[in-house]
Amino acid sequence: MDFKKLGRQVGELRKQAEEKLGDRAEPENIKRDGKELRGILSGDGSLAEKAREAKEKLSDPERPSGPGASGGGDNTGGQRPG
């Protein structure tokens, strides 16, 4: 296995991800987005509705980013109260 080549490929992939994700490339932001997606996907509704909701929430340009930013939502993790 050529570890130098593998290292270059990983570096290129990381650079591409940072270009596409911008400020959201930070690990904490990715974790927060993942938790929000998990909540959306575990909720009620059709797959199309869930996809639409995820797109609306995660592609919002006004969405706060950074370590202290909250992703909004109801913080129930997709669970129904009660």
Protein backbone atom coordinates (compact mmCIF):
# COMPACT_ATOMS: atom_id res chain seq x y z
CA MET A 1 0.00 0.00 0.00
CA ASP A 2 1.33 3.41 -0.98
CA PHE A 3 0.73 5.55 2.10
CA LYS A 4 2.09 8.71 0.48
CA LYS A 5 -0.44 8.42 -2.34
CA LEU A 6 -3.21 7.65 0.15
CA GLY A 7 -2.23 10.70 2.20
CA ARG A 8 -2.40 12.93 -0.88
CA GLN A 9 -5.83 11.54 -1.78
CA VAL A 10 -7.13 12.17 1.74
CA GLY A 11 -5.77 15.71 1.60
CA GLU A 12 -7.48 16.33 -1.74
CA LEU A 13 -10.80 14.97 -0.44
CA ARG A 14 -10.56 17.13 2.67
CA LYS A 15 -9.87 20.21 0.55
CA GLN A 16 -12.88 19.44 -1.67
CA ALA A 17 -15.11 18.97 1.39
CA GLU A 18 -13.98 22.26 2.90
CA GLU A 19 -14.65 24.06 -0.39
CA LYS A 20 -18.18 22.62 -0.62
CA LEU A 21 -19.11 22.95 3.05
CA GLY A 22 -17.46 26.29 3.83
CA ASP A 23 -17.88 27.21 7.50
CA ARG A 24 -19.85 24.03 8.13
CA ALA A 25 -16.76 21.85 7.53
CA GLU A 26 -15.91 22.10 11.23
CA PRO A 27 -16.42 18.78 13.05
CA GLU A 28 -18.85 20.27 15.59
CA ASN A 29 -21.05 21.68 12.83
CA ILE A 30 -21.07 18.36 10.98
CA LYS A 31 -22.01 16.53 14.20
CA ARG A 32 -24.83 19.01 14.87
CA ASP A 33 -26.15 18.63 11.33
CA GLY A 34 -25.98 14.84 11.66
CA LYS A 35 -27.99 14.89 14.88
CA GLU A 36 -30.59 17.13 13.28
CA LEU A 37 -30.85 14.81 10.26
CA ARG A 38 -31.20 11.80 12.53
CA GLY A 39 -34.11 13.52 14.28
CA ILE A 40 -35.79 14.37 11.01
CA LEU A 41 -35.40 10.85 9.62
CA SER A 42 -36.75 9.18 12.75
CA GLY A 43 -39.87 11.37 12.78
CA ASP A 44 -43.26 10.81 11.20
CA GLY A 45 -44.03 11.42 7.53
CA SER A 46 -43.10 10.12 4.13
CA LEU A 47 -39.54 9.94 2.89
CA ALA A 48 -40.28 12.81 0.48
CA GLU A 49 -41.51 15.00 3.36
CA LYS A 50 -38.45 14.16 5.42
CA ALA A 51 -36.13 14.95 2.51
CA ARG A 52 -37.87 18.28 1.94
CA GLU A 53 -37.59 19.20 5.63
CA ALA A 54 -33.92 18.22 5.74
CA LYS A 55 -33.17 20.27 2.64
CA GLU A 56 -34.97 23.31 4.05
CA LYS A 57 -33.20 23.15 7.39
CA LEU A 58 -29.69 22.35 6.20
CA SER A 59 -29.53 24.52 3.10
CA ASP A 60 -30.72 27.69 4.86
CA PRO A 61 -28.04 30.37 4.27
CA GLU A 62 -29.15 32.14 7.47
CA ARG A 63 -28.48 28.97 9.49
CA PRO A 64 -26.07 29.76 12.32
CA SER A 65 -22.75 27.99 12.34
CA GLY A 66 -20.09 27.72 14.98
CA PRO A 67 -19.58 25.81 18.21
CA GLY A 68 -22.35 27.55 20.15
CA ALA A 69 -24.91 27.70 17.37
CA SER A 70 -28.17 25.91 17.83
CA GLY A 71 -29.69 24.18 14.86
CA GLY A 72 -33.20 25.18 15.83
CA GLY A 73 -35.95 22.60 15.73
CA ASP A 74 -37.84 21.19 18.67
CA ASN A 75 -34.94 19.25 20.25
CA THR A 76 -37.10 16.15 20.59
CA GLY A 77 -34.92 14.09 18.29
CA GLY A 78 -37.94 13.16 16.19
CA GLN A 79 -39.77 11.69 19.17
CA ARG A 80 -43.38 12.50 19.91
CA PRO A 81 -44.02 14.10 23.31
CA GLY A 82 -45.81 12.10 25.92
